[in-house]
Amino acid sequence: MSDRIIFHIDVNSAYLSWTAIRMLQLGEIEEDIREIPSIVGGSTDDRHGIVLAKSIPAKKFNIKTGEPIVDALKKCPSLRIFRPNYRLYMDCSNAMYNLLYEYSPKIQRYSVDEVFMDMSHFKENYMEKAEEIKLRIKKELGFNVNIGISTNKLLAKMASDFEPKNSIQTLFKEEIEDKMWPLPVEDLFMVGRATKRKLDKLNINTIGELANFDLKLLCSVFKSHGTTIYNYANGNEDSQVRKYNYIEVKGIGNSTTIAWDVTTREEALKIILSLTESVANRLRNNNSLCKLVAISIKGFNFERYTHQISLENYTDLTEEIFKELTIAFDEVWGGDPIRQLGVRVSKLCSNEFFQCSLFDNKRVEKQRALDKAIDSIRDRYGNNSIIRSTFLHSGIKAINGGNGEDDYPMMGSLL
């Protein structure tokens, strides 16, 4: 066995669990939504609304993560739907991180609901510590986790995916042949649909068959990716647990499908503003500034086109972001009817050191204070507690885009 002990901790049905805990704490519901057919996802009014998380009772109706909500409702008409709350999810993620930090300073946040931990200093009693961590998360934070344990991150993550939920599983080198090799090859990390199709042609159906396949032939088909998946199938991976103090979001965006054809600039800009309100709020919640904004448009004929603009200075101001998105929209829209609009900010950095233009300092500081006050009011009393007058009697929601499209750092070919 290697000198390392790596934990991969994965929250069970994170969005649904965190939503349930919050609603129970606030007394908004009497029943635990984890125990009834329920999902977290977009509004049924949005044609693009999808299932983000599902309860175990919902799973019995063959409801799948990622499928349209309208399809889920056909399978289970009594299905309960709850909108996502990304600020809550970040709070829950941070609470778990703070608890885990008591056990190890080497924690890598893989996503909002998953972390790797280097627990090598507990090599003699790692299972005891895993039990302790799992019980503390349940008792102090209210949700369940799977914990996978191995000597590297790849195998720890594979172990955490084993059934049942709310369990601790190991996958050490000597266990690979019995526990991992019989699994379908698509269960292996880095084997996506395109890779799976090529492996099918080679008659490789299990991880074990991939692990024992001819490496030269794999590389002739997959190039360097062949070496990667061959090594992973054999449990070979040696990257370090990289420490992140926060989830480093690469980009933040939202889009909405419109129930009618938008044909005027005025109406389109109102929808863009409603999306900007949501995106800019999440940008500030992430303590980030952006340097790039982008607009995406899908016409009634389903053709999509996008346009982006690089800003002179980093910003988190709603007004500034909307101004630049307006320019981007005017530069790209040809006048065709619009059925979907999306906005996105990227090239993010921390707002720890916010630098204003010398000529704009007072204006920017006033606008930042205003945005902060508005965020605080909406956070306490709801999104509709304070809205812009331009949305009154317009038929357009003042804040649009319930389904966030944040980019969290994911594992690459090297974990």
Protein backbone atom coordinates (compact mmCIF):
# COMPACT_ATOMS: atom_id res chain seq x y z
CA MET A 1 0.00 0.00 0.00
CA SER A 2 1.20 3.54 -0.77
CA ASP A 3 2.11 5.89 2.03
CA ARG A 4 -0.88 8.05 1.08
CA ILE A 5 -4.47 7.80 2.26
CA ILE A 6 -6.88 9.86 0.16
CA PHE A 7 -10.57 10.45 0.94
CA HIS A 8 -13.13 11.48 -1.66
CA ILE A 9 -16.25 12.86 0.04
CA ASP A 10 -19.41 13.22 -2.05
CA VAL A 11 -22.69 14.66 -0.74
CA ASN A 12 -25.69 12.43 -1.48
CA SER A 13 -28.22 14.26 -3.71
CA ALA A 14 -26.63 17.53 -2.63
CA TYR A 15 -29.04 20.09 -4.07
CA LEU A 16 -32.09 18.18 -2.86
CA SER A 17 -30.61 17.45 0.59
CA TRP A 18 -29.53 21.03 1.15
CA THR A 19 -32.90 22.35 -0.01
CA ALA A 20 -34.71 19.94 2.32
CA ILE A 21 -32.60 20.85 5.33
CA ARG A 22 -33.14 24.57 4.80
CA MET A 23 -36.90 24.26 4.34
CA LEU A 24 -37.21 22.10 7.46
CA GLN A 25 -35.15 24.57 9.49
CA LEU A 26 -37.36 27.47 8.38
CA GLY A 27 -40.55 25.50 8.97
CA GLU A 28 -41.61 25.99 5.35
CA ILE A 29 -42.60 22.32 5.05
CA GLU A 30 -43.58 19.62 7.52
CA GLU A 31 -42.42 16.66 5.46
CA ASP A 32 -38.87 15.93 4.36
CA ILE A 33 -38.82 16.34 0.57
CA ARG A 34 -36.13 13.65 0.42
CA GLU A 35 -38.81 11.13 1.42
CA ILE A 36 -41.36 12.02 -1.28
CA PRO A 37 -41.13 12.13 -5.11
CA SER A 38 -39.40 15.48 -5.54
CA ILE A 39 -36.75 17.23 -7.61
CA VAL A 40 -34.72 20.40 -7.67
CA GLY A 41 -34.84 22.06 -11.06
CA GLY A 42 -36.05 24.92 -13.20
CA SER A 43 -39.59 26.22 -13.35
CA THR A 44 -42.20 24.33 -15.33
CA ASP A 45 -42.83 27.64 -17.10
CA ASP A 46 -39.34 27.43 -18.64
CA ARG A 47 -39.20 25.03 -21.55
CA HIS A 48 -35.52 24.41 -20.90
CA GLY A 49 -36.01 23.56 -17.21
CA ILE A 50 -34.22 20.34 -16.29
CA VAL A 51 -33.90 18.02 -13.30
CA LEU A 52 -30.83 18.99 -11.28
CA ALA A 53 -31.34 16.56 -8.39
CA LYS A 54 -33.93 13.93 -7.49
CA SER A 55 -35.11 12.14 -4.36
CA ILE A 56 -34.89 8.36 -4.00
CA PRO A 57 -38.71 8.07 -4.30
CA ALA A 58 -38.50 10.08 -7.56
CA LYS A 59 -35.81 7.73 -8.82
CA LYS A 60 -38.33 4.87 -8.54
CA PHE A 61 -40.35 6.59 -11.30
CA ASN A 62 -37.24 6.42 -13.54
CA ILE A 63 -36.76 10.17 -13.31
CA LYS A 64 -33.22 11.02 -14.36
CA THR A 65 -30.92 13.92 -13.61
CA GLY A 66 -30.66 16.18 -16.65
CA GLU A 67 -33.98 15.28 -18.25
CA PRO A 68 -36.59 17.99 -19.00
CA ILE A 69 -38.99 18.67 -16.17
CA VAL A 70 -41.97 18.23 -18.49
CA ASP A 71 -40.84 14.65 -19.15
CA ALA A 72 -40.37 14.01 -15.42
CA LEU A 73 -43.92 15.20 -14.75
CA LYS A 74 -45.28 12.75 -17.32
CA LYS A 75 -43.64 9.94 -15.35
CA CYS A 76 -44.88 11.25 -12.00
CA PRO A 77 -47.69 13.86 -12.15
CA SER A 78 -47.54 14.34 -8.35
CA LEU A 79 -43.84 15.23 -8.50
CA ARG A 80 -42.88 18.18 -6.25
CA ILE A 81 -40.55 20.73 -7.85
CA PHE A 82 -38.27 23.09 -5.93
CA ARG A 83 -36.21 25.87 -7.46
CA PRO A 84 -32.41 25.86 -6.93
CA ASN A 85 -30.80 28.19 -4.41
CA TYR A 86 -27.14 28.58 -5.30
CA ARG A 87 -26.26 30.81 -2.37
CA LEU A 88 -27.58 28.13 0.00
CA TYR A 89 -25.52 25.48 -1.78
CA MET A 90 -22.35 27.52 -1.40
CA ASP A 91 -23.10 28.05 2.30
CA CYS A 92 -23.58 24.31 2.82
CA SER A 93 -20.45 23.52 0.84
CA ASN A 94 -18.44 25.97 2.92
CA ALA A 95 -19.83 24.52 6.16
CA MET A 96 -18.68 21.06 5.13
CA TYR A 97 -15.27 22.39 4.10
CA ASN A 98 -14.81 24.08 7.48
CA LEU A 99 -15.69 20.88 9.31
CA LEU A 100 -13.29 18.82 7.19
CA TYR A 101 -10.49 21.34 7.68
CA GLU A 102 -10.38 20.22 11.32
CA TYR A 103 -9.01 16.90 10.05
CA SER A 104 -6.65 17.97 7.28
CA PRO A 105 -5.36 21.21 5.74
CA LYS A 106 -4.93 19.43 2.40
CA ILE A 107 -8.41 19.67 0.89
CA GLN A 108 -9.18 20.01 -2.81
CA ARG A 109 -12.65 21.10 -3.81
CA TYR A 110 -13.57 19.16 -6.91
CA SER A 111 -17.03 20.71 -7.18
CA VAL A 112 -19.59 22.35 -4.95
CA ASP A 113 -20.51 18.99 -3.35
CA GLU A 114 -17.28 16.96 -3.63
CA VAL A 115 -13.85 17.22 -2.04
CA PHE A 116 -10.60 15.26 -1.90
CA MET A 117 -8.68 15.09 1.38
CA ASP A 118 -5.16 13.90 2.05
CA MET A 119 -5.56 11.90 5.27
CA SER A 120 -2.15 10.22 5.21
CA HIS A 121 -1.46 11.38 8.77
CA PHE A 122 -4.29 9.10 9.90
CA LYS A 123 -2.94 6.04 8.11
CA GLU A 124 -3.22 3.84 11.19
CA ASN A 125 -6.86 4.70 11.93
CA TYR A 126 -8.26 6.12 8.66
CA MET A 127 -11.46 4.03 8.81
CA GLU A 128 -12.21 5.27 12.31
CA LYS A 129 -11.76 8.88 11.12
CA ALA A 130 -13.97 8.28 8.09
CA GLU A 131 -16.77 7.02 10.35
CA GLU A 132 -16.29 10.02 12.62
CA ILE A 133 -16.44 12.48 9.71
CA LYS A 134 -19.54 10.88 8.21
CA LEU A 135 -21.37 10.92 11.53
CA ARG A 136 -20.38 14.51 12.29
CA ILE A 137 -21.58 15.73 8.88
CA LYS A 138 -24.92 14.02 9.49
CA LYS A 139 -25.29 15.25 13.07
CA GLU A 140 -23.96 18.80 12.72
CA LEU A 141 -24.90 19.65 9.11
CA GLY A 142 -27.87 17.37 8.52
CA PHE A 143 -26.95 15.57 5.29
CA ASN A 144 -25.39 12.28 4.22
CA VAL A 145 -22.18 11.65 2.32
CA ASN A 146 -20.36 8.82 0.62
CA ILE A 147 -16.67 8.50 1.47
CA GLY A 148 -14.32 6.70 -0.88
CA ILE A 149 -10.87 5.75 0.41
CA SER A 150 -7.74 4.76 -1.49
CA THR A 151 -4.12 5.66 -2.12
CA ASN A 152 -4.87 8.05 -4.99
CA LYS A 153 -7.64 10.42 -6.05
CA LEU A 154 -8.87 8.34 -8.98
CA LEU A 155 -9.54 5.22 -6.92
CA ALA A 156 -10.97 7.22 -4.02
CA LYS A 157 -13.48 8.82 -6.37
CA MET A 158 -14.37 5.48 -7.94
CA ALA A 159 -14.93 4.05 -4.44
CA SER A 160 -17.26 6.89 -3.43
CA ASP A 161 -19.51 6.01 -6.38
CA PHE A 162 -20.10 2.48 -5.09
CA GLU A 163 -23.52 1.61 -3.70
CA PRO A 164 -25.14 2.02 -1.29
CA LYS A 165 -25.49 5.72 -0.60
CA ASN A 166 -24.44 7.04 2.80
CA SER A 167 -21.57 4.58 3.10
CA ILE A 168 -17.79 4.30 3.35
CA GLN A 169 -16.05 2.26 0.66
CA THR A 170 -12.41 1.40 -0.05
CA LEU A 171 -10.71 0.68 -3.36
CA PHE A 172 -7.06 -0.15 -2.83
CA LYS A 173 -4.81 -1.61 -5.52
CA GLU A 174 -5.35 -5.16 -4.34
CA GLU A 175 -9.16 -4.65 -4.59
CA ILE A 176 -9.22 -3.34 -8.17
CA GLU A 177 -9.66 -6.71 -9.85
CA ASP A 178 -12.68 -7.66 -7.74
CA LYS A 179 -14.35 -4.26 -7.22
CA MET A 180 -13.54 -2.17 -10.30
CA TRP A 181 -12.70 -4.38 -13.25
CA PRO A 182 -16.18 -5.98 -13.51
CA LEU A 183 -17.82 -2.53 -13.88
CA PRO A 184 -19.02 -1.23 -17.28
CA VAL A 185 -16.22 0.65 -19.01
CA GLU A 186 -18.32 3.85 -19.11
CA ASP A 187 -18.13 3.98 -15.30
CA LEU A 188 -14.44 4.81 -15.55
CA PHE A 189 -13.48 8.45 -15.15
CA MET A 190 -12.59 10.08 -18.51
CA VAL A 191 -14.61 7.56 -20.54
CA GLY A 192 -17.36 9.67 -22.07
CA ARG A 193 -19.86 8.85 -24.79
CA ALA A 194 -17.46 9.43 -27.68
CA THR A 195 -14.78 7.26 -26.06
CA LYS A 196 -17.37 4.60 -25.22
CA ARG A 197 -18.44 4.34 -28.88
CA LYS A 198 -14.86 3.70 -29.98
CA LEU A 199 -14.33 1.16 -27.19
CA ASP A 200 -17.49 -0.65 -28.32
CA LYS A 201 -15.90 -1.12 -31.75
CA LEU A 202 -12.90 -2.71 -30.02
CA ASN A 203 -15.29 -5.00 -28.08
CA ILE A 204 -14.15 -3.48 -24.77
CA ASN A 205 -17.14 -3.58 -22.44
CA THR A 206 -15.70 -3.62 -18.92
CA ILE A 207 -12.99 -1.70 -17.12
CA GLY A 208 -11.09 -4.96 -16.72
CA GLU A 209 -11.10 -5.58 -20.46
CA LEU A 210 -9.70 -2.09 -20.98
CA ALA A 211 -7.03 -2.63 -18.31
CA ASN A 212 -5.80 -5.77 -20.08
CA PHE A 213 -6.06 -4.49 -23.66
CA ASP A 214 -3.07 -3.86 -25.89
CA LEU A 215 -1.77 -0.36 -25.07
CA LYS A 216 -0.23 0.21 -28.52
CA LEU A 217 -3.55 -0.51 -30.20
CA LEU A 218 -5.35 1.81 -27.78
CA CYS A 219 -2.90 4.62 -28.58
CA SER A 220 -3.36 4.06 -32.31
CA VAL A 221 -7.07 4.75 -31.84
CA PHE A 222 -7.10 7.31 -29.02
CA LYS A 223 -3.57 8.84 -29.22
CA SER A 224 -2.44 10.11 -25.78
CA HIS A 225 -5.95 9.64 -24.37
CA GLY A 226 -5.44 5.90 -24.81
CA THR A 227 -2.57 5.96 -22.30
CA THR A 228 -4.70 7.95 -19.86
CA ILE A 229 -7.69 5.61 -19.82
CA TYR A 230 -5.39 2.54 -19.79
CA ASN A 231 -3.62 3.86 -16.70
CA TYR A 232 -6.91 4.75 -15.03
CA ALA A 233 -8.31 1.29 -15.74
CA ASN A 234 -5.27 -0.12 -13.94
CA GLY A 235 -5.69 2.31 -11.04
CA ASN A 236 -2.58 4.35 -11.85
CA GLU A 237 -2.83 8.03 -10.89
CA ASP A 238 -0.49 10.04 -8.69
CA SER A 239 -1.55 13.72 -8.66
CA GLN A 240 -1.40 15.62 -5.40
CA VAL A 241 -4.38 16.94 -3.45
CA ARG A 242 -4.27 20.58 -4.48
CA LYS A 243 -5.50 22.99 -1.86
CA TYR A 244 -8.29 25.43 -2.75
CA ASN A 245 -9.60 27.89 -0.16
CA TYR A 246 -12.73 28.49 -2.22
CA ILE A 247 -14.42 27.14 -5.31
CA GLU A 248 -12.71 28.90 -8.16
CA VAL A 249 -15.50 29.55 -10.64
CA LYS A 250 -14.31 30.05 -14.21
CA GLY A 251 -17.49 31.61 -15.53
CA ILE A 252 -21.05 32.48 -14.51
CA GLY A 253 -24.01 32.54 -16.86
CA ASN A 254 -27.75 32.15 -17.30
CA SER A 255 -30.10 31.71 -20.21
CA THR A 256 -33.83 31.61 -20.69
CA THR A 257 -36.09 30.19 -23.38
CA ILE A 258 -38.89 32.61 -24.23
CA ALA A 259 -42.48 31.49 -24.73
CA TRP A 260 -43.01 33.97 -27.58
CA ASP A 261 -41.00 35.45 -30.45
CA VAL A 262 -39.09 38.52 -29.28
CA THR A 263 -38.92 40.92 -32.22
CA THR A 264 -38.03 44.30 -30.68
CA ARG A 265 -34.76 45.56 -29.24
CA GLU A 266 -36.54 47.06 -26.23
CA GLU A 267 -38.08 43.73 -25.22
CA ALA A 268 -34.84 41.81 -25.81
CA LEU A 269 -32.86 44.23 -23.64
CA LYS A 270 -35.33 43.85 -20.79
CA ILE A 271 -34.81 40.09 -20.86
CA ILE A 272 -31.04 40.59 -21.00
CA LEU A 273 -31.27 42.93 -18.01
CA SER A 274 -33.30 40.35 -16.04
CA LEU A 275 -30.60 37.76 -16.74
CA THR A 276 -27.85 40.22 -15.85
CA GLU A 277 -29.46 40.86 -12.47
CA SER A 278 -29.13 37.16 -11.62
CA VAL A 279 -25.62 36.70 -13.05
CA ALA A 280 -24.19 39.85 -11.44
CA ASN A 281 -25.65 38.87 -8.07
CA ARG A 282 -23.99 35.44 -8.26
CA LEU A 283 -20.75 37.09 -9.38
CA ARG A 284 -20.73 39.25 -6.24
CA ASN A 285 -21.71 36.31 -4.04
CA ASN A 286 -18.65 34.50 -5.35
CA ASN A 287 -16.48 37.51 -4.40
CA SER A 288 -15.39 37.79 -8.02
CA LEU A 289 -14.95 40.38 -10.76
CA CYS A 290 -15.25 39.74 -14.49
CA LYS A 291 -13.26 40.97 -17.49
CA LEU A 292 -15.30 39.37 -20.30
CA VAL A 293 -19.04 39.42 -21.06
CA ALA A 294 -20.86 37.42 -23.71
CA ILE A 295 -24.33 37.31 -25.21
CA SER A 296 -25.91 34.28 -26.88
CA ILE A 297 -29.00 34.34 -29.07
CA LYS A 298 -31.07 31.50 -30.52
CA GLY A 299 -33.52 32.45 -33.23
CA PHE A 300 -36.92 31.01 -34.04
CA ASN A 301 -35.16 28.82 -36.62
CA PHE A 302 -32.93 27.40 -33.83
CA GLU A 303 -29.76 28.96 -35.19
CA ARG A 304 -27.49 30.13 -32.36
CA TYR A 305 -24.95 32.92 -32.46
CA THR A 306 -22.82 34.51 -29.76
CA HIS A 307 -20.70 37.60 -29.28
CA GLN A 308 -18.33 38.61 -26.49
CA ILE A 309 -16.69 41.84 -25.39
CA SER A 310 -13.57 42.30 -23.28
CA LEU A 311 -13.91 45.07 -20.68
CA GLU A 312 -11.40 47.79 -19.98
CA ASN A 313 -11.48 47.08 -16.23
CA TYR A 314 -12.63 44.21 -14.04
CA THR A 315 -16.10 44.79 -12.61
CA ASP A 316 -18.98 43.27 -10.66
CA LEU A 317 -21.44 46.13 -11.26
CA THR A 318 -24.84 45.18 -12.67
CA GLU A 319 -25.15 48.42 -14.64
CA GLU A 320 -21.66 48.10 -16.14
CA ILE A 321 -22.14 44.50 -17.18
CA PHE A 322 -25.55 45.28 -18.71
CA LYS A 323 -24.12 48.25 -20.64
CA GLU A 324 -21.48 46.05 -22.25
CA LEU A 325 -23.99 43.28 -22.97
CA THR A 326 -26.19 45.84 -24.71
CA ILE A 327 -23.28 46.75 -26.99
CA ALA A 328 -22.61 43.07 -27.69
CA PHE A 329 -26.29 42.48 -28.48
CA ASP A 330 -26.49 45.45 -30.85
CA GLU A 331 -23.37 44.26 -32.67
CA VAL A 332 -24.62 40.71 -33.25
CA TRP A 333 -28.44 40.79 -33.56
CA GLY A 334 -29.69 40.90 -37.12
CA GLY A 335 -33.35 41.53 -36.31
CA ASP A 336 -34.62 37.95 -36.57
CA PRO A 337 -37.21 36.77 -34.01
CA ILE A 338 -35.55 35.51 -30.82
CA ARG A 339 -36.56 32.41 -28.83
CA GLN A 340 -33.66 32.15 -26.37
CA LEU A 341 -31.26 34.63 -24.77
CA GLY A 342 -28.24 33.99 -22.59
CA VAL A 343 -25.64 36.13 -20.83
CA ARG A 344 -22.30 35.08 -19.43
CA VAL A 345 -19.36 36.62 -17.58
CA SER A 346 -15.89 35.08 -17.47
CA LYS A 347 -12.18 35.82 -17.05
CA LEU A 348 -12.88 36.11 -13.34
CA CYS A 349 -10.60 37.24 -10.54
CA SER A 350 -10.99 37.80 -6.80
CA ASN A 351 -12.53 41.11 -5.68
CA GLU A 352 -10.06 41.30 -2.80
CA PHE A 353 -8.13 44.05 -4.53
CA PHE A 354 -10.67 46.14 -6.39
CA GLN A 355 -9.05 48.81 -8.56
CA CYS A 356 -11.16 51.62 -10.02
CA SER A 357 -10.34 54.08 -12.75
CA LEU A 358 -9.20 57.38 -11.23
CA PHE A 359 -11.96 59.13 -13.16
CA ASP A 360 -14.74 56.77 -12.06
CA ASN A 361 -13.88 56.13 -8.44
CA LYS A 362 -16.80 57.94 -6.76
CA ARG A 363 -19.38 56.69 -9.26
CA VAL A 364 -18.18 53.10 -8.99
CA GLU A 365 -18.13 53.11 -5.20
CA LYS A 366 -21.69 54.47 -5.10
CA GLN A 367 -22.84 51.83 -7.57
CA ARG A 368 -21.14 49.05 -5.61
CA ALA A 369 -22.81 50.24 -2.40
CA LEU A 370 -26.17 50.29 -4.18
CA ASP A 371 -25.71 46.79 -5.59
CA LYS A 372 -24.71 45.54 -2.15
CA ALA A 373 -27.81 47.06 -0.55
CA ILE A 374 -30.10 45.59 -3.21
CA ASP A 375 -28.48 42.16 -2.84
CA SER A 376 -29.02 42.32 0.92
CA ILE A 377 -32.70 43.24 0.60
CA ARG A 378 -33.38 40.51 -1.96
CA ASP A 379 -31.50 37.96 0.10
CA ARG A 380 -33.66 38.72 3.11
CA TYR A 381 -37.06 39.34 1.54
CA GLY A 382 -36.91 37.59 -1.85
CA ASN A 383 -36.02 38.55 -5.41
CA ASN A 384 -39.27 40.41 -6.00
CA SER A 385 -38.89 42.61 -2.92
CA ILE A 386 -37.11 45.23 -4.99
CA ILE A 387 -37.32 45.41 -8.79
CA ARG A 388 -36.62 47.94 -11.50
CA SER A 389 -39.57 50.01 -12.69
CA THR A 390 -38.89 49.04 -16.31
CA PHE A 391 -40.32 45.59 -15.55
CA LEU A 392 -43.64 46.86 -14.20
CA HIS A 393 -46.54 45.68 -16.40
CA SER A 394 -44.00 44.34 -18.94
CA GLY A 395 -44.83 40.66 -18.60
CA ILE A 396 -41.11 39.94 -18.13
CA LYS A 397 -39.67 38.60 -14.89
CA ALA A 398 -37.44 41.15 -13.16
CA ILE A 399 -34.82 38.52 -12.36
CA ASN A 400 -34.47 35.67 -14.79
CA GLY A 401 -32.48 32.47 -14.97
CA GLY A 402 -33.10 30.10 -12.08
CA ASN A 403 -30.77 27.44 -13.48
CA GLY A 404 -27.21 28.63 -13.02
CA GLU A 405 -24.44 27.73 -15.43
CA ASP A 406 -21.37 28.22 -13.26
CA ASP A 407 -18.15 26.54 -14.31
CA TYR A 408 -16.51 24.84 -11.37
CA PRO A 409 -12.99 23.43 -11.74
CA MET A 410 -13.26 19.83 -12.88
CA MET A 411 -10.66 17.12 -13.08
CA GLY A 412 -8.63 17.03 -16.23
CA SER A 413 -6.76 14.10 -17.73
CA LEU A 414 -4.61 14.38 -14.62
CA LEU A 415 -6.72 14.60 -11.50
